[in-house]
Amino acid sequence: MSMTQMYRMAGSMIVLAAIGLGTTSCMGPTYGTDKSSSEQLVDDLGDAFSLAPPKRQNLAYQPRGALVKPADDKKLVAPEQNLATRDNPQWVESPEEARARLKQEADDNSNNGNYRSPLAVSVTEGKVMSPEQQRAAYRDARKLQDGRYSDRRRFMSDPPLDYRQVDDPAKLQQLGESERAKEARRKKEAEIAGTGRKWYQVWD
């Protein structure tokens, strides 16, 4: 065997060894464990088809401590009284109880001409307001119309106060053109529509 053939054979063996090592590293990664994927697969299959029970580790359980009891069982703290009971005077009245109470109240005042039961108010009639309440409601509505409540929010739907600030408070009193004048102008424009005249041309 010549030297050339020996060099070629040695080179071929080195190449085959490198290929084998590369293939082994690709086919059998350990992923941080001491076993390759093929070894782990064989172990899993062996455990799946094994008839022997799995080995359990001998865990050392420490005994649980005894309960701490008071020295004198006769002097125990009384349990807290539950406030969520019907015997509590602050218990919320149910609708059925309120209806029964109002019915009994109406029966007791059947001979009283000045008594008016809340159950007697119908939906169509509504709540009857006294003259003082009517005047107060009218004044409140006028204040709301004039914008006197612009310094505070009365309802959650009101915009923030920063959006309702004006440079001149006198502008709040300017109501603009009334609805009656707008309606009259619209009627007049509708009458002369299609005639070629303008709304300000009274005569031809």
Foldseek 3Di string as FASTA:
>chain_A
DDPVVVVVVVVVVVVVVVVVVVVCCVQFPPVPHPGTPVVVVVVVVCVVPDPDDDDDDDDDDDDDDDDDDDPDPVDDDDDDDDCQDPPNPPHDDDPVRVVVVLVVVCVVCVVPPPDDGPVPQDPVNDDDDDPVVVVVVVVVVVCVQLVVCLVDDPDPPDDDSVVSDDPDSVVSVPPDDDPVVVVVLVVLCVVCPPVPDDSPCPDD
